[in-house]
N, C-alpha and C. Protein backbone atom coordinates (compact mmCIF):
# COMPACT_ATOMS: atom_id res chain seq x y z
N UNK A 1 -10.21 6.23 6.43
CA UNK A 1 -8.83 5.72 5.88
C UNK A 1 -7.45 6.96 6.43
N UNK A 2 -6.68 6.35 6.85
CA UNK A 2 -5.52 7.42 7.35
C UNK A 2 -4.63 7.35 6.55
N UNK A 3 -3.83 8.49 6.06
CA UNK A 3 -2.81 8.46 5.07
C UNK A 3 -1.66 8.74 5.75
N UNK A 4 -0.68 7.91 5.45
CA UNK A 4 0.48 7.71 6.51
C UNK A 4 1.71 8.21 6.27
N UNK A 5 2.10 8.20 4.69
CA UNK A 5 3.34 8.86 4.48
C UNK A 5 3.22 9.75 3.14
N UNK A 6 4.30 10.51 2.94
CA UNK A 6 4.19 11.25 1.69
C UNK A 6 5.44 11.20 1.01
N UNK A 7 5.23 11.68 -0.18
CA UNK A 7 6.58 11.36 -1.09
C UNK A 7 6.42 12.59 -2.22
N UNK A 8 7.48 13.35 -2.61
CA UNK A 8 7.87 14.40 -3.46
C UNK A 8 8.12 13.77 -4.82
N UNK A 9 7.29 14.08 -5.78
CA UNK A 9 7.52 13.22 -7.10
C UNK A 9 8.80 14.43 -7.83
N UNK A 10 9.95 13.46 -8.21
CA UNK A 10 10.88 14.27 -8.61
C UNK A 10 11.38 13.74 -10.09
N UNK A 11 12.14 14.56 -10.86
CA UNK A 11 12.17 14.57 -12.37
C UNK A 11 12.32 12.86 -12.94
N UNK A 12 13.22 12.35 -11.83
CA UNK A 12 13.48 10.96 -12.00
C UNK A 12 12.50 10.00 -11.83
N UNK A 13 11.55 10.44 -11.20
CA UNK A 13 10.28 9.13 -11.23
C UNK A 13 9.29 9.35 -12.65
N UNK A 14 9.41 10.58 -13.40
CA UNK A 14 8.39 10.55 -14.73
C UNK A 14 8.75 9.68 -15.54
N UNK A 15 7.94 9.19 -16.21
CA UNK A 15 8.04 8.70 -17.84
C UNK A 15 8.18 9.56 -19.00
N UNK A 16 8.42 9.28 -20.11
CA UNK A 16 8.55 9.82 -21.52
C UNK A 16 7.29 10.98 -21.53
N UNK A 17 6.31 10.86 -20.85
CA UNK A 17 5.20 11.71 -20.92
C UNK A 17 5.32 12.64 -20.03
N UNK A 18 6.17 13.01 -18.87
CA UNK A 18 6.44 13.91 -18.09
C UNK A 18 5.35 13.77 -16.81
N UNK A 19 4.92 12.54 -16.67
CA UNK A 19 4.03 12.28 -15.46
C UNK A 19 4.71 11.25 -14.77
N UNK A 20 4.35 10.68 -13.51
CA UNK A 20 4.80 9.89 -12.56
C UNK A 20 4.64 8.55 -13.32
N UNK A 21 5.57 7.62 -13.29
CA UNK A 21 5.82 6.61 -13.86
C UNK A 21 5.20 5.69 -13.07
N UNK A 22 4.22 4.73 -13.64
CA UNK A 22 3.25 3.98 -12.77
C UNK A 22 3.98 2.97 -12.08
N UNK A 23 5.30 2.27 -12.61
CA UNK A 23 5.81 1.18 -12.17
C UNK A 23 6.37 1.43 -11.00
N UNK A 24 7.11 2.92 -11.02
CA UNK A 24 7.77 3.41 -9.59
C UNK A 24 6.53 3.74 -8.56
N UNK A 25 5.21 3.89 -9.00
CA UNK A 25 4.31 4.03 -7.81
C UNK A 25 3.63 2.99 -7.48
N UNK A 26 3.83 1.92 -8.16
CA UNK A 26 3.08 0.72 -7.77
C UNK A 26 4.37 0.04 -6.58
N UNK A 27 5.65 -0.10 -6.87
CA UNK A 27 6.84 -0.38 -6.22
C UNK A 27 6.81 0.49 -4.61
N UNK A 28 6.47 1.71 -4.71
CA UNK A 28 5.86 2.43 -3.46
C UNK A 28 4.92 2.10 -2.90
N UNK A 29 3.80 1.78 -3.24
CA UNK A 29 2.45 1.29 -2.71
C UNK A 29 2.91 -0.06 -2.35
N UNK A 30 3.88 -0.85 -2.77
CA UNK A 30 3.75 -2.56 -2.33
C UNK A 30 5.02 -2.02 -1.03
N UNK A 31 5.48 -1.37 -0.90
CA UNK A 31 6.45 -0.93 0.21
C UNK A 31 5.84 -0.69 1.44
N UNK A 32 4.93 0.38 1.16
CA UNK A 32 3.89 1.26 2.13
C UNK A 32 3.04 0.33 2.89
N UNK A 33 2.32 -0.48 1.57
CA UNK A 33 1.62 -1.41 2.28
C UNK A 33 2.02 -2.40 3.15
N UNK A 34 3.10 -3.06 2.63
CA UNK A 34 4.01 -4.23 3.37
C UNK A 34 4.07 -3.56 4.57
N UNK A 35 4.65 -2.69 5.02
CA UNK A 35 5.12 -1.90 6.15
C UNK A 35 3.89 -1.72 7.12
N UNK A 36 2.90 -1.14 6.75
CA UNK A 36 1.42 -1.18 7.51
C UNK A 36 0.89 -2.51 7.58
N UNK A 37 1.25 -3.38 6.75
CA UNK A 37 0.58 -4.87 7.22
C UNK A 37 1.47 -5.50 8.22
N UNK A 38 2.75 -5.38 8.04
CA UNK A 38 3.68 -5.77 8.92
C UNK A 38 3.27 -5.32 10.26
N UNK A 39 3.01 -3.98 10.70
CA UNK A 39 2.76 -3.32 11.83
C UNK A 39 1.35 -3.98 12.27
N UNK A 40 0.43 -4.15 11.64
CA UNK A 40 -0.82 -4.79 12.15
C UNK A 40 -0.84 -6.10 12.26
N UNK A 41 0.26 -7.31 11.51
CA UNK A 41 0.39 -8.61 11.83
C UNK A 41 1.34 -8.70 12.93
N UNK A 42 1.99 -7.77 13.48
CA UNK A 42 2.90 -7.99 14.34
C UNK A 42 4.29 -8.85 14.34
N UNK A 43 4.30 -8.86 12.69
CA UNK A 43 5.51 -9.81 12.09
C UNK A 43 6.19 -9.00 10.92
N UNK A 44 7.57 -9.39 10.87
CA UNK A 44 8.66 -8.79 9.70
C UNK A 44 8.38 -9.67 8.63
N UNK A 45 8.13 -11.02 8.83
CA UNK A 45 8.21 -12.02 7.81
C UNK A 45 6.65 -11.76 7.19
N UNK A 46 6.63 -11.47 6.06
CA UNK A 46 5.70 -11.60 5.15
C UNK A 46 6.01 -11.30 3.52
N UNK A 47 4.84 -11.61 3.08
CA UNK A 47 4.93 -11.52 1.55
C UNK A 47 3.68 -11.08 0.96
N UNK A 48 4.01 -10.26 -0.24
CA UNK A 48 2.69 -9.80 -1.14
C UNK A 48 2.08 -11.12 -1.64
N UNK A 49 0.84 -11.37 -1.55
CA UNK A 49 0.20 -12.60 -2.03
C UNK A 49 -0.59 -12.25 -3.45
N UNK A 50 -1.53 -11.04 -3.35
CA UNK A 50 -2.16 -10.80 -4.40
C UNK A 50 -2.57 -9.34 -4.26
N UNK A 51 -2.50 -8.58 -5.36
CA UNK A 51 -2.97 -7.34 -5.62
C UNK A 51 -4.17 -7.57 -6.72
N UNK A 52 -4.96 -6.80 -6.21
CA UNK A 52 -6.30 -6.58 -7.31
C UNK A 52 -6.16 -5.52 -8.33
N UNK A 53 -7.15 -5.59 -9.13
CA UNK A 53 -7.21 -4.71 -9.99
C UNK A 53 -6.66 -3.15 -9.63
N UNK A 54 -5.95 -2.39 -10.28
CA UNK A 54 -5.25 -1.14 -10.12
C UNK A 54 -5.96 -0.41 -11.47
N UNK A 55 -6.40 0.88 -10.32
CA UNK A 55 -7.20 1.75 -11.11
C UNK A 55 -6.44 3.24 -11.04
N UNK A 56 -5.47 3.76 -12.01
CA UNK A 56 -4.98 4.71 -12.12
C UNK A 56 -6.40 5.80 -12.56
N UNK A 57 -6.49 6.68 -11.63
CA UNK A 57 -7.64 7.80 -11.85
C UNK A 57 -6.93 9.02 -12.48
N UNK A 58 -5.92 9.13 -12.37
CA UNK A 58 -5.00 10.65 -12.32
C UNK A 58 -3.75 10.60 -12.41
N UNK A 59 -2.73 11.68 -12.78
CA UNK A 59 -1.59 11.57 -12.66
C UNK A 59 -0.75 12.35 -11.89
N UNK A 60 0.60 12.17 -11.63
CA UNK A 60 1.40 13.45 -10.66
C UNK A 60 2.38 13.73 -11.21
N UNK A 61 2.71 14.86 -11.69
CA UNK A 61 3.80 15.63 -11.96
C UNK A 61 4.92 16.12 -11.06
N UNK A 62 6.25 16.62 -11.60
CA UNK A 62 7.13 16.63 -10.88
C UNK A 62 6.84 17.97 -9.99
N UNK A 63 7.32 17.45 -8.80
CA UNK A 63 6.90 18.75 -7.71
C UNK A 63 5.72 18.33 -7.05
N UNK A 64 4.81 17.25 -7.17
CA UNK A 64 3.66 17.24 -6.71
C UNK A 64 4.04 16.32 -5.25
N UNK A 65 3.01 16.43 -4.24
CA UNK A 65 3.38 15.58 -3.02
C UNK A 65 2.20 14.80 -3.11
N UNK A 66 2.52 13.41 -2.96
CA UNK A 66 1.48 12.65 -3.17
C UNK A 66 1.47 11.74 -1.55
N UNK A 67 0.28 11.41 -0.78
CA UNK A 67 0.29 10.60 -0.02
C UNK A 67 -0.43 9.30 0.11
N UNK A 68 -0.31 8.36 0.92
CA UNK A 68 -0.65 7.17 0.52
C UNK A 68 -1.51 6.58 2.15
N UNK A 69 -2.90 6.31 1.44
CA UNK A 69 -3.69 6.19 2.33
C UNK A 69 -4.06 4.72 2.87
N UNK A 70 -4.01 3.94 3.72
CA UNK A 70 -4.03 2.69 3.77
C UNK A 70 -5.03 2.10 5.16
N UNK A 71 -5.90 0.91 4.88
CA UNK A 71 -6.87 0.71 5.74
C UNK A 71 -7.08 -0.96 5.68
N UNK A 72 -7.18 -1.46 6.62
CA UNK A 72 -7.33 -3.02 6.85
C UNK A 72 -8.74 -3.33 6.19
N UNK A 73 -8.88 -4.10 5.27
CA UNK A 73 -10.24 -4.71 4.45
C UNK A 73 -10.33 -5.96 5.25
N UNK A 74 -9.51 -6.41 5.54
CA UNK A 74 -10.19 -7.75 6.15
C UNK A 74 -8.86 -8.67 6.75
N UNK A 75 -9.29 -9.46 7.94
CA UNK A 75 -7.75 -10.24 8.61
C UNK A 75 -8.39 -11.49 8.51
N UNK A 76 -7.37 -12.29 8.04
CA UNK A 76 -7.50 -13.73 8.11
C UNK A 76 -6.69 -14.57 9.13
N UNK A 77 -6.48 -15.68 9.11
CA UNK A 77 -5.66 -16.63 10.12
C UNK A 77 -4.30 -16.12 10.09
N UNK A 78 -3.91 -16.15 8.61
CA UNK A 78 -2.32 -16.09 8.04
C UNK A 78 -2.44 -14.77 7.11
N UNK A 79 -3.14 -14.41 7.09
CA UNK A 79 -3.19 -12.99 6.15
C UNK A 79 -3.97 -11.71 6.30
N UNK A 80 -3.47 -10.89 5.79
CA UNK A 80 -4.00 -9.40 6.07
C UNK A 80 -4.52 -8.85 4.77
N UNK A 81 -5.48 -8.11 4.71
CA UNK A 81 -5.98 -7.74 3.31
C UNK A 81 -6.01 -6.12 3.36
N UNK A 82 -5.26 -5.08 2.93
CA UNK A 82 -5.32 -4.15 2.79
C UNK A 82 -5.73 -3.05 1.90
N UNK A 83 -6.55 -2.00 1.83
CA UNK A 83 -6.87 -1.13 0.59
C UNK A 83 -5.86 0.00 0.64
N UNK A 84 -5.55 0.71 -0.26
CA UNK A 84 -4.67 1.45 -0.64
C UNK A 84 -5.37 2.49 -1.77
N UNK A 85 -5.19 3.77 -0.97
CA UNK A 85 -5.56 5.16 -1.94
C UNK A 85 -4.24 6.24 -2.04
N UNK A 86 -4.06 6.30 -3.03
CA UNK A 86 -2.74 7.64 -3.31
C UNK A 86 -3.44 8.81 -3.79
N UNK A 87 -3.19 9.73 -3.09
CA UNK A 87 -3.66 10.82 -3.36
C UNK A 87 -2.59 12.14 -3.66
N UNK A 88 -3.18 13.19 -4.24
CA UNK A 88 -2.42 14.56 -4.46
C UNK A 88 -2.49 15.07 -3.15
N UNK A 89 -1.63 15.24 -2.24
CA UNK A 89 -1.61 16.08 -0.98
C UNK A 89 -2.57 17.34 -1.00
N UNK A 90 -2.19 18.21 -1.87
CA UNK A 90 -2.69 19.34 -2.03
C UNK A 90 -4.10 19.24 -2.47
N UNK A 91 -4.69 18.86 -3.41
CA UNK A 91 -5.81 18.78 -4.51
C UNK A 91 -6.60 17.45 -3.33
N UNK A 92 -5.96 16.65 -2.84
CA UNK A 92 -6.79 15.41 -2.37
C UNK A 92 -7.46 14.54 -3.64
N UNK A 93 -7.05 14.66 -4.85
CA UNK A 93 -7.26 14.17 -5.77
C UNK A 93 -6.83 12.76 -6.23
N UNK A 94 -7.50 11.89 -6.12
CA UNK A 94 -7.03 10.59 -6.25
C UNK A 94 -6.33 9.97 -7.46
N UNK A 95 -4.88 9.53 -7.22
CA UNK A 95 -4.17 9.16 -8.12
C UNK A 95 -4.24 7.68 -8.82
N UNK A 96 -4.50 7.09 -7.60
CA UNK A 96 -4.61 5.38 -7.69
C UNK A 96 -5.58 4.79 -6.49
N UNK A 97 -6.35 3.61 -6.61
CA UNK A 97 -7.07 2.96 -5.85
C UNK A 97 -7.01 1.68 -6.14
N UNK A 98 -6.51 0.97 -5.06
CA UNK A 98 -6.53 -0.59 -4.94
C UNK A 98 -7.27 -1.04 -3.85
N UNK A 99 -8.15 -2.03 -4.45
CA UNK A 99 -9.28 -2.45 -3.27
C UNK A 99 -8.79 -3.67 -2.11
N UNK A 100 -7.86 -4.56 -2.94
CA UNK A 100 -7.21 -5.67 -2.02
C UNK A 100 -5.64 -5.63 -2.70
N UNK A 101 -5.02 -5.92 -1.57
CA UNK A 101 -3.76 -6.13 -1.44
C UNK A 101 -3.43 -7.35 -0.14
N UNK A 102 -3.17 -8.24 -0.70
CA UNK A 102 -3.36 -9.58 0.43
C UNK A 102 -1.57 -9.73 0.80
N UNK A 103 -1.33 -9.88 2.10
CA UNK A 103 -0.31 -10.12 2.58
C UNK A 103 -0.10 -10.98 3.59
N UNK A 104 0.54 -12.15 3.49
CA UNK A 104 0.86 -13.33 4.16
C UNK A 104 1.82 -13.41 4.82
N UNK A 105 1.58 -13.86 6.31
CA UNK A 105 2.72 -13.87 7.21
C UNK A 105 3.45 -15.39 7.11
N UNK A 106 4.77 -15.34 7.21
CA UNK A 106 5.67 -16.50 6.72
C UNK A 106 6.44 -16.75 8.05
N UNK A 107 6.40 -18.34 8.12
CA UNK A 107 7.54 -18.91 8.96
C UNK A 107 8.86 -18.55 8.42
N UNK A 108 10.06 -18.79 9.39
CA UNK A 108 11.25 -18.85 8.74
C UNK A 108 11.52 -20.09 7.83
N UNK A 109 10.82 -21.01 7.61
CA UNK A 109 10.71 -22.22 6.42
C UNK A 109 9.86 -21.42 5.57
N UNK A 110 9.51 -20.34 5.35
CA UNK A 110 8.45 -20.16 4.19
C UNK A 110 7.29 -20.49 3.94
N UNK A 111 6.62 -21.01 5.30
CA UNK A 111 5.42 -21.67 5.00
C UNK A 111 4.72 -20.61 5.98
N UNK A 112 3.24 -20.42 5.27
CA UNK A 112 2.23 -19.44 6.00
C UNK A 112 2.14 -19.99 7.46
N UNK A 113 2.13 -18.76 8.25
CA UNK A 113 1.78 -18.79 9.75
C UNK A 113 0.93 -18.35 10.06
N UNK A 114 0.09 -18.33 11.30
CA UNK A 114 -0.52 -17.34 12.01
C UNK A 114 0.05 -15.77 12.51
N UNK A 115 -0.37 -14.95 12.22
CA UNK A 115 0.07 -13.91 12.66
C UNK A 115 -0.66 -12.99 14.13
N UNK A 116 -0.13 -11.83 14.32
CA UNK A 116 -0.66 -11.50 15.81
C UNK A 116 -1.80 -10.43 15.58
N UNK A 117 -2.15 -9.93 14.45
CA UNK A 117 -3.48 -9.07 14.25
C UNK A 117 -4.70 -9.76 14.62
N UNK A 118 -5.52 -9.12 15.21
CA UNK A 118 -6.63 -9.52 15.52
C UNK A 118 -7.87 -8.42 14.63
N UNK A 119 -9.02 -8.93 14.58
CA UNK A 119 -9.66 -7.96 13.87
C UNK A 119 -10.26 -6.56 14.28
N UNK A 120 -10.74 -6.66 15.60
CA UNK A 120 -10.50 -5.24 16.35
C UNK A 120 -9.39 -4.56 16.13
N UNK A 121 -8.19 -5.26 16.56
CA UNK A 121 -6.83 -4.08 16.80
C UNK A 121 -6.80 -3.85 15.30
N UNK A 122 -6.56 -4.34 14.39
CA UNK A 122 -6.08 -4.05 12.87
C UNK A 122 -7.27 -2.98 12.73
N UNK A 123 -8.12 -3.18 12.57
CA UNK A 123 -9.57 -2.64 11.96
C UNK A 123 -9.63 -0.99 12.84
N UNK A 124 -9.10 -0.81 14.02
CA UNK A 124 -8.95 0.41 14.79
C UNK A 124 -7.90 1.34 14.14
N UNK A 125 -6.28 0.41 13.62
CA UNK A 125 -5.31 1.08 13.51
C UNK A 125 -5.75 1.98 12.39
């Protein structure tokens, strides 16, 4: 799995317990994974169709740097399934793991359409 981007946790990202707010992290994950999927699918018109069980395994605090690991799990005709791991950049401790995030390519009319990713090209990315 390649780690594509990083983010510094700021005080405004924390919940009342002074750890990273899970909702903020999920928003960042959806954005990062959508960008990754769009690059693989060769289209900017896509939607998040499904996100599997979300498993928070640790937390992050203000000042921590986290990184987003993404890989292709499956390539369909109109969809692409992505696996995501977010970890602490310094300790490499996993913060969250999501096994399946399904993105679907959409036509201008909002109908699923075939995308440009092939199994070989997407898995190699």
